[in-house]
Amino acid sequence: MLLMFLQGLEINLELFRRARNRSIALGVATTVVPLVLGTIVGLAFGYAAIPAIVIGVAVGFAYSARAKHREPPRAWAAWSR
């Protein structure tokens, strides 16, 4: 929670407003894709549905925290205009 709060403090709101749709799409994709892939891997290893979903949630959270903590490259500033 603290990490998410600190990330929120660092957001440039004007830049976010200009790239709002792309930012939301990227945020959803970096959460949903690892969650679904983790669930599929859990099912492939023979886990029941609920434990497989828990594995997917764990993978999704781990990937999302790692992906959102990194600083975006400077080239993205020009792309988001």
PDB file of N, CA and C in Angstrom:
ATOM      1  N   MET A   1       0.826  -1.193   0.000  1.00  0.00           N
ATOM      2  CA  MET A   1       0.000   0.000   0.000  1.00  0.00           C
ATOM      3  C   MET A   1       0.871   1.258   0.000  1.00  0.00           C
ATOM      4  N   LEU A   2       1.936   1.221   0.784  1.00  0.00           N
ATOM      5  CA  LEU A   2       2.817   2.382   0.843  1.00  0.00           C
ATOM      6  C   LEU A   2       3.448   2.646  -0.518  1.00  0.00           C
ATOM      7  N   LEU A   3       3.867   1.576  -1.204  1.00  0.00           N
ATOM      8  CA  LEU A   3       4.467   1.733  -2.527  1.00  0.00           C
ATOM      9  C   LEU A   3       3.470   2.366  -3.496  1.00  0.00           C
ATOM     10  N   MET A   4       2.222   1.918  -3.465  1.00  0.00           N
ATOM     11  CA  MET A   4       1.208   2.492  -4.348  1.00  0.00           C
ATOM     12  C   MET A   4       0.952   3.952  -4.001  1.00  0.00           C
ATOM     13  N   PHE A   5       0.943   4.291  -2.716  1.00  0.00           N
ATOM     14  CA  PHE A   5       0.739   5.673  -2.301  1.00  0.00           C
ATOM     15  C   PHE A   5       1.878   6.547  -2.800  1.00  0.00           C
ATOM     16  N   LEU A   6       3.105   6.068  -2.657  1.00  0.00           N
ATOM     17  CA  LEU A   6       4.256   6.854  -3.100  1.00  0.00           C
ATOM     18  C   LEU A   6       4.251   7.033  -4.615  1.00  0.00           C
ATOM     19  N   GLN A   7       3.854   5.997  -5.359  1.00  0.00           N
ATOM     20  CA  GLN A   7       3.744   6.130  -6.806  1.00  0.00           C
ATOM     21  C   GLN A   7       2.694   7.182  -7.168  1.00  0.00           C
ATOM     22  N   GLY A   8       1.596   7.208  -6.437  1.00  0.00           N
ATOM     23  CA  GLY A   8       0.557   8.201  -6.690  1.00  0.00           C
ATOM     24  C   GLY A   8       1.052   9.619  -6.472  1.00  0.00           C
ATOM     25  N   LEU A   9       1.929   9.808  -5.501  1.00  0.00           N
ATOM     26  CA  LEU A   9       2.484  11.135  -5.248  1.00  0.00           C
ATOM     27  C   LEU A   9       3.396  11.597  -6.379  1.00  0.00           C
ATOM     28  N   GLU A  10       3.989  10.646  -7.095  1.00  0.00           N
ATOM     29  CA  GLU A  10       4.939  10.989  -8.144  1.00  0.00           C
ATOM     30  C   GLU A  10       4.294  11.202  -9.508  1.00  0.00           C
ATOM     31  N   ILE A  11       3.006  10.971  -9.627  1.00  0.00           N
ATOM     32  CA  ILE A  11       2.344  11.085 -10.925  1.00  0.00           C
ATOM     33  C   ILE A  11       2.227  12.549 -11.335  1.00  0.00           C
ATOM     34  N   ASN A  12       2.615  12.825 -12.561  1.00  0.00           N
ATOM     35  CA  ASN A  12       2.419  14.136 -13.157  1.00  0.00           C
ATOM     36  C   ASN A  12       0.998  14.145 -13.733  1.00  0.00           C
ATOM     37  N   LEU A  13       0.088  14.854 -13.085  1.00  0.00           N
ATOM     38  CA  LEU A  13      -1.323  14.788 -13.472  1.00  0.00           C
ATOM     39  C   LEU A  13      -1.586  15.306 -14.878  1.00  0.00           C
ATOM     40  N   GLU A  14      -0.859  16.321 -15.310  1.00  0.00           N
ATOM     41  CA  GLU A  14      -1.060  16.837 -16.665  1.00  0.00           C
ATOM     42  C   GLU A  14      -0.653  15.799 -17.706  1.00  0.00           C
ATOM     43  N   LEU A  15       0.475  15.149 -17.472  1.00  0.00           N
ATOM     44  CA  LEU A  15       0.924  14.097 -18.383  1.00  0.00           C
ATOM     45  C   LEU A  15      -0.058  12.927 -18.360  1.00  0.00           C
ATOM     46  N   PHE A  16      -0.575  12.585 -17.190  1.00  0.00           N
ATOM     47  CA  PHE A  16      -1.548  11.492 -17.089  1.00  0.00           C
ATOM     48  C   PHE A  16      -2.830  11.844 -17.833  1.00  0.00           C
ATOM     49  N   ARG A  17      -3.285  13.074 -17.735  1.00  0.00           N
ATOM     50  CA  ARG A  17      -4.517  13.463 -18.441  1.00  0.00           C
ATOM     51  C   ARG A  17      -4.358  13.327 -19.951  1.00  0.00           C
ATOM     52  N   ARG A  18      -3.164  13.682 -20.450  1.00  0.00           N
ATOM     53  CA  ARG A  18      -2.932  13.591 -21.892  1.00  0.00           C
ATOM     54  C   ARG A  18      -2.850  12.145 -22.362  1.00  0.00           C
ATOM     55  N   ALA A  19      -2.349  11.251 -21.529  1.00  0.00           N
ATOM     56  CA  ALA A  19      -2.173   9.850 -21.919  1.00  0.00           C
ATOM     57  C   ALA A  19      -3.087   8.931 -21.110  1.00  0.00           C
ATOM     58  N   ARG A  20      -4.233   9.438 -20.694  1.00  0.00           N
ATOM     59  CA  ARG A  20      -5.133   8.704 -19.797  1.00  0.00           C
ATOM     60  C   ARG A  20      -5.541   7.333 -20.337  1.00  0.00           C
ATOM     61  N   ASN A  21      -6.038   7.275 -21.553  1.00  0.00           N
ATOM     62  CA  ASN A  21      -6.529   6.002 -22.096  1.00  0.00           C
ATOM     63  C   ASN A  21      -5.406   4.984 -22.232  1.00  0.00           C
ATOM     64  N   ARG A  22      -4.240   5.431 -22.710  1.00  0.00           N
ATOM     65  CA  ARG A  22      -3.108   4.520 -22.841  1.00  0.00           C
ATOM     66  C   ARG A  22      -2.623   4.058 -21.481  1.00  0.00           C
ATOM     67  N   SER A  23      -2.627   4.952 -20.502  1.00  0.00           N
ATOM     68  CA  SER A  23      -2.185   4.595 -19.156  1.00  0.00           C
ATOM     69  C   SER A  23      -3.118   3.566 -18.526  1.00  0.00           C
ATOM     70  N   ILE A  24      -4.410   3.769 -18.686  1.00  0.00           N
ATOM     71  CA  ILE A  24      -5.381   2.832 -18.127  1.00  0.00           C
ATOM     72  C   ILE A  24      -5.268   1.480 -18.821  1.00  0.00           C
ATOM     73  N   ALA A  25      -5.140   1.476 -20.151  1.00  0.00           N
ATOM     74  CA  ALA A  25      -5.009   0.218 -20.898  1.00  0.00           C
ATOM     75  C   ALA A  25      -3.753  -0.538 -20.473  1.00  0.00           C
ATOM     76  N   LEU A  26      -2.653   0.158 -20.314  1.00  0.00           N
ATOM     77  CA  LEU A  26      -1.413  -0.491 -19.896  1.00  0.00           C
ATOM     78  C   LEU A  26      -1.537  -1.028 -18.473  1.00  0.00           C
ATOM     79  N   GLY A  27      -2.169  -0.271 -17.584  1.00  0.00           N
ATOM     80  CA  GLY A  27      -2.369  -0.734 -16.212  1.00  0.00           C
ATOM     81  C   GLY A  27      -3.225  -1.985 -16.138  1.00  0.00           C
ATOM     82  N   VAL A  28      -4.289  -2.013 -16.911  1.00  0.00           N
ATOM     83  CA  VAL A  28      -5.162  -3.191 -16.932  1.00  0.00           C
ATOM     84  C   VAL A  28      -4.419  -4.379 -17.543  1.00  0.00           C
ATOM     85  N   ALA A  29      -3.706  -4.140 -18.641  1.00  0.00           N
ATOM     86  CA  ALA A  29      -2.994  -5.233 -19.310  1.00  0.00           C
ATOM     87  C   ALA A  29      -1.906  -5.818 -18.422  1.00  0.00           C
ATOM     88  N   THR A  30      -1.172  -4.979 -17.692  1.00  0.00           N
ATOM     89  CA  THR A  30      -0.090  -5.498 -16.847  1.00  0.00           C
ATOM     90  C   THR A  30      -0.620  -6.204 -15.607  1.00  0.00           C
ATOM     91  N   THR A  31      -1.907  -6.109 -15.349  1.00  0.00           N
ATOM     92  CA  THR A  31      -2.501  -6.842 -14.237  1.00  0.00           C
ATOM     93  C   THR A  31      -3.238  -8.091 -14.731  1.00  0.00           C
ATOM     94  N   VAL A  32      -4.039  -7.953 -15.769  1.00  0.00           N
ATOM     95  CA  VAL A  32      -4.884  -9.043 -16.244  1.00  0.00           C
ATOM     96  C   VAL A  32      -4.076 -10.129 -16.957  1.00  0.00           C
ATOM     97  N   VAL A  33      -3.148  -9.736 -17.819  1.00  0.00           N
ATOM     98  CA  VAL A  33      -2.400 -10.737 -18.597  1.00  0.00           C
ATOM     99  C   VAL A  33      -1.613 -11.679 -17.684  1.00  0.00           C
ATOM    100  N   PRO A  34      -0.806 -11.183 -16.722  1.00  0.00           N
ATOM    101  CA  PRO A  34      -0.114 -12.121 -15.833  1.00  0.00           C
ATOM    102  C   PRO A  34      -1.075 -12.948 -14.973  1.00  0.00           C
ATOM    103  N   LEU A  35      -2.206 -12.351 -14.580  1.00  0.00           N
ATOM    104  CA  LEU A  35      -3.189 -13.096 -13.791  1.00  0.00           C
ATOM    105  C   LEU A  35      -3.738 -14.271 -14.587  1.00  0.00           C
ATOM    106  N   VAL A  36      -4.117 -14.039 -15.820  1.00  0.00           N
ATOM    107  CA  VAL A  36      -4.664 -15.100 -16.666  1.00  0.00           C
ATOM    108  C   VAL A  36      -3.596 -16.152 -16.969  1.00  0.00           C
ATOM    109  N   LEU A  37      -2.384 -15.700 -17.313  1.00  0.00           N
ATOM    110  CA  LEU A  37      -1.321 -16.657 -17.613  1.00  0.00           C
ATOM    111  C   LEU A  37      -0.952 -17.480 -16.386  1.00  0.00           C
ATOM    112  N   GLY A  38      -0.906 -16.863 -15.218  1.00  0.00           N
ATOM    113  CA  GLY A  38      -0.629 -17.598 -13.986  1.00  0.00           C
ATOM    114  C   GLY A  38      -1.705 -18.627 -13.686  1.00  0.00           C
ATOM    115  N   THR A  39      -2.945 -18.273 -13.941  1.00  0.00           N
ATOM    116  CA  THR A  39      -4.052 -19.211 -13.738  1.00  0.00           C
ATOM    117  C   THR A  39      -3.946 -20.388 -14.709  1.00  0.00           C
ATOM    118  N   ILE A  40      -3.612 -20.116 -15.945  1.00  0.00           N
ATOM    119  CA  ILE A  40      -3.454 -21.183 -16.940  1.00  0.00           C
ATOM    120  C   ILE A  40      -2.316 -22.118 -16.541  1.00  0.00           C
ATOM    121  N   VAL A  41      -1.209 -21.548 -16.074  1.00  0.00           N
ATOM    122  CA  VAL A  41      -0.085 -22.384 -15.640  1.00  0.00           C
ATOM    123  C   VAL A  41      -0.496 -23.235 -14.438  1.00  0.00           C
ATOM    124  N   GLY A  42      -1.231 -22.646 -13.496  1.00  0.00           N
ATOM    125  CA  GLY A  42      -1.718 -23.410 -12.347  1.00  0.00           C
ATOM    126  C   GLY A  42      -2.599 -24.568 -12.769  1.00  0.00           C
ATOM    127  N   LEU A  43      -3.484 -24.327 -13.719  1.00  0.00           N
ATOM    128  CA  LEU A  43      -4.350 -25.397 -14.229  1.00  0.00           C
ATOM    129  C   LEU A  43      -3.527 -26.457 -14.967  1.00  0.00           C
ATOM    130  N   ALA A  44      -2.505 -26.017 -15.704  1.00  0.00           N
ATOM    131  CA  ALA A  44      -1.662 -26.954 -16.448  1.00  0.00           C
ATOM    132  C   ALA A  44      -0.890 -27.876 -15.499  1.00  0.00           C
ATOM    133  N   PHE A  45      -0.554 -27.389 -14.307  1.00  0.00           N
ATOM    134  CA  PHE A  45       0.156 -28.205 -13.328  1.00  0.00           C
ATOM    135  C   PHE A  45      -0.785 -29.072 -12.495  1.00  0.00           C
ATOM    136  N   GLY A  46      -2.067 -29.050 -12.836  1.00  0.00           N
ATOM    137  CA  GLY A  46      -3.010 -29.963 -12.201  1.00  0.00           C
ATOM    138  C   GLY A  46      -3.716 -29.424 -10.965  1.00  0.00           C
ATOM    139  N   TYR A  47      -3.589 -28.141 -10.688  1.00  0.00           N
ATOM    140  CA  TYR A  47      -4.297 -27.565  -9.544  1.00  0.00           C
ATOM    141  C   TYR A  47      -5.780 -27.401  -9.897  1.00  0.00           C
ATOM    142  N   ALA A  48      -6.616 -27.418  -8.879  1.00  0.00           N
ATOM    143  CA  ALA A  48      -8.041 -27.148  -9.072  1.00  0.00           C
ATOM    144  C   ALA A  48      -8.211 -25.665  -9.426  1.00  0.00           C
ATOM    145  N   ALA A  49      -9.420 -25.271  -9.775  1.00  0.00           N
ATOM    146  CA  ALA A  49      -9.667 -23.912 -10.262  1.00  0.00           C
ATOM    147  C   ALA A  49      -9.294 -22.842  -9.235  1.00  0.00           C
ATOM    148  N   ILE A  50      -9.751 -22.980  -7.999  1.00  0.00           N
ATOM    149  CA  ILE A  50      -9.499 -21.941  -6.994  1.00  0.00           C
ATOM    150  C   ILE A  50      -8.010 -21.792  -6.691  1.00  0.00           C
ATOM    151  N   PRO A  51      -7.269 -22.878  -6.417  1.00  0.00           N
ATOM    152  CA  PRO A  51      -5.825 -22.708  -6.211  1.00  0.00           C
ATOM    153  C   PRO A  51      -5.109 -22.146  -7.442  1.00  0.00           C
ATOM    154  N   ALA A  52      -5.560 -22.500  -8.641  1.00  0.00           N
ATOM    155  CA  ALA A  52      -4.962 -21.964  -9.862  1.00  0.00           C
ATOM    156  C   ALA A  52      -5.204 -20.458  -9.960  1.00  0.00           C
ATOM    157  N   ILE A  53      -6.382 -20.020  -9.570  1.00  0.00           N
ATOM    158  CA  ILE A  53      -6.679 -18.583  -9.578  1.00  0.00           C
ATOM    159  C   ILE A  53      -5.820 -17.857  -8.545  1.00  0.00           C
ATOM    160  N   VAL A  54      -5.617 -18.477  -7.390  1.00  0.00           N
ATOM    161  CA  VAL A  54      -4.758 -17.877  -6.367  1.00  0.00           C
ATOM    162  C   VAL A  54      -3.332 -17.729  -6.903  1.00  0.00           C
ATOM    163  N   ILE A  55      -2.851 -18.745  -7.617  1.00  0.00           N
ATOM    164  CA  ILE A  55      -1.528 -18.647  -8.241  1.00  0.00           C
ATOM    165  C   ILE A  55      -1.513 -17.496  -9.250  1.00  0.00           C
ATOM    166  N   GLY A  56      -2.558 -17.388 -10.045  1.00  0.00           N
ATOM    167  CA  GLY A  56      -2.650 -16.295 -11.013  1.00  0.00           C
ATOM    168  C   GLY A  56      -2.662 -14.933 -10.351  1.00  0.00           C
ATOM    169  N   VAL A  57      -3.376 -14.817  -9.239  1.00  0.00           N
ATOM    170  CA  VAL A  57      -3.420 -13.549  -8.504  1.00  0.00           C
ATOM    171  C   VAL A  57      -2.028 -13.203  -7.970  1.00  0.00           C
ATOM    172  N   ALA A  58      -1.337 -14.211  -7.418  1.00  0.00           N
ATOM    173  CA  ALA A  58       0.008 -13.975  -6.888  1.00  0.00           C
ATOM    174  C   ALA A  58       0.960 -13.525  -7.986  1.00  0.00           C
ATOM    175  N   VAL A  59       0.902 -14.188  -9.130  1.00  0.00           N
ATOM    176  CA  VAL A  59       1.761 -13.798 -10.256  1.00  0.00           C
ATOM    177  C   VAL A  59       1.375 -12.407 -10.753  1.00  0.00           C
ATOM    178  N   GLY A  60       0.083 -12.139 -10.854  1.00  0.00           N
ATOM    179  CA  GLY A  60      -0.368 -10.818 -11.312  1.00  0.00           C
ATOM    180  C   GLY A  60       0.074  -9.706 -10.393  1.00  0.00           C
ATOM    181  N   PHE A  61      -0.056  -9.892  -9.085  1.00  0.00           N
ATOM    182  CA  PHE A  61       0.377  -8.865  -8.138  1.00  0.00           C
ATOM    183  C   PHE A  61       1.879  -8.674  -8.174  1.00  0.00           C
ATOM    184  N   ALA A  62       2.620  -9.775  -8.239  1.00  0.00           N
ATOM    185  CA  ALA A  62       4.085  -9.682  -8.255  1.00  0.00           C
ATOM    186  C   ALA A  62       4.557  -8.950  -9.498  1.00  0.00           C
ATOM    187  N   TYR A  63       3.984  -9.279 -10.653  1.00  0.00           N
ATOM    188  CA  TYR A  63       4.387  -8.621 -11.882  1.00  0.00           C
ATOM    189  C   TYR A  63       3.962  -7.155 -11.884  1.00  0.00           C
ATOM    190  N   SER A  64       2.744  -6.868 -11.436  1.00  0.00           N
ATOM    191  CA  SER A  64       2.254  -5.490 -11.440  1.00  0.00           C
ATOM    192  C   SER A  64       3.092  -4.603 -10.540  1.00  0.00           C
ATOM    193  N   ALA A  65       3.437  -5.091  -9.365  1.00  0.00           N
ATOM    194  CA  ALA A  65       4.257  -4.300  -8.450  1.00  0.00           C
ATOM    195  C   ALA A  65       5.616  -4.029  -9.061  1.00  0.00           C
ATOM    196  N   ARG A  66       6.185  -5.017  -9.721  1.00  0.00           N
ATOM    197  CA  ARG A  66       7.504  -4.842 -10.327  1.00  0.00           C
ATOM    198  C   ARG A  66       7.419  -3.911 -11.531  1.00  0.00           C
ATOM    199  N   ALA A  67       6.415  -4.085 -12.381  1.00  0.00           N
ATOM    200  CA  ALA A  67       6.294  -3.285 -13.599  1.00  0.00           C
ATOM    201  C   ALA A  67       5.987  -1.828 -13.279  1.00  0.00           C
ATOM    202  N   LYS A  68       5.180  -1.570 -12.282  1.00  0.00           N
ATOM    203  CA  LYS A  68       4.781  -0.200 -11.979  1.00  0.00           C
ATOM    204  C   LYS A  68       5.810   0.531 -11.148  1.00  0.00           C
ATOM    205  N   HIS A  69       6.749  -0.197 -10.557  1.00  0.00           N
ATOM    206  CA  HIS A  69       7.759   0.452  -9.729  1.00  0.00           C
ATOM    207  C   HIS A  69       8.896   1.024 -10.567  1.00  0.00           C
ATOM    208  N   ARG A  70       9.099   0.481 -11.759  1.00  0.00           N
ATOM    209  CA  ARG A  70      10.193   0.953 -12.597  1.00  0.00           C
ATOM    210  C   ARG A  70       9.866   2.317 -13.190  1.00  0.00           C
ATOM    211  N   GLU A  71      10.906   3.115 -13.376  1.00  0.00           N
ATOM    212  CA  GLU A  71      10.764   4.436 -13.984  1.00  0.00           C
ATOM    213  C   GLU A  71      10.635   4.258 -15.494  1.00  0.00           C
ATOM    214  N   PRO A  72       9.665   4.917 -16.131  1.00  0.00           N
ATOM    215  CA  PRO A  72       9.530   4.775 -17.585  1.00  0.00           C
ATOM    216  C   PRO A  72      10.707   5.432 -18.309  1.00  0.00           C
ATOM    217  N   PRO A  73      11.093   4.919 -19.473  1.00  0.00           N
ATOM    218  CA  PRO A  73      12.180   5.528 -20.237  1.00  0.00           C
ATOM    219  C   PRO A  73      11.831   6.941 -20.641  1.00  0.00           C
ATOM    220  N   ARG A  74      12.843   7.765 -20.844  1.00  0.00           N
ATOM    221  CA  ARG A  74      12.601   9.158 -21.230  1.00  0.00           C
ATOM    222  C   ARG A  74      11.906   9.257 -22.586  1.00  0.00           C
ATOM    223  N   ALA A  75      12.082   8.287 -23.428  1.00  0.00           N
ATOM    224  CA  ALA A  75      11.448   8.314 -24.757  1.00  0.00           C
ATOM    225  C   ALA A  75       9.924   8.296 -24.636  1.00  0.00           C
ATOM    226  N   TRP A  76       9.394   7.751 -23.550  1.00  0.00           N
ATOM    227  CA  TRP A  76       7.940   7.709 -23.383  1.00  0.00           C
ATOM    228  C   TRP A  76       7.351   9.087 -23.238  1.00  0.00           C
ATOM    229  N   ALA A  77       8.129  10.048 -22.753  1.00  0.00           N
ATOM    230  CA  ALA A  77       7.612  11.407 -22.594  1.00  0.00           C
ATOM    231  C   ALA A  77       7.197  11.982 -23.939  1.00  0.00           C
ATOM    232  N   ALA A  78       8.007  11.719 -24.962  1.00  0.00           N
ATOM    233  CA  ALA A  78       7.676  12.215 -26.293  1.00  0.00           C
ATOM    234  C   ALA A  78       6.501  11.447 -26.890  1.00  0.00           C
ATOM    235  N   TRP A  79       6.404  10.130 -26.600  1.00  0.00           N
ATOM    236  CA  TRP A  79       5.341   9.295 -27.134  1.00  0.00           C
ATOM    237  C   TRP A  79       3.984   9.663 -26.565  1.00  0.00           C
ATOM    238  N   SER A  80       3.958  10.132 -25.320  1.00  0.00           N
ATOM    239  CA  SER A  80       2.683  10.391 -24.657  1.00  0.00           C
ATOM    240  C   SER A  80       2.100  11.765 -24.971  1.00  0.00           C
ATOM    241  N   ARG A  81       2.750  12.514 -25.802  1.00  0.00           N
ATOM    242  CA  ARG A  81       2.239  13.861 -26.131  1.00  0.00           C
ATOM    243  C   ARG A  81       1.106  13.831 -27.085  1.00  0.00           C
TER     244      ARG A  81
END
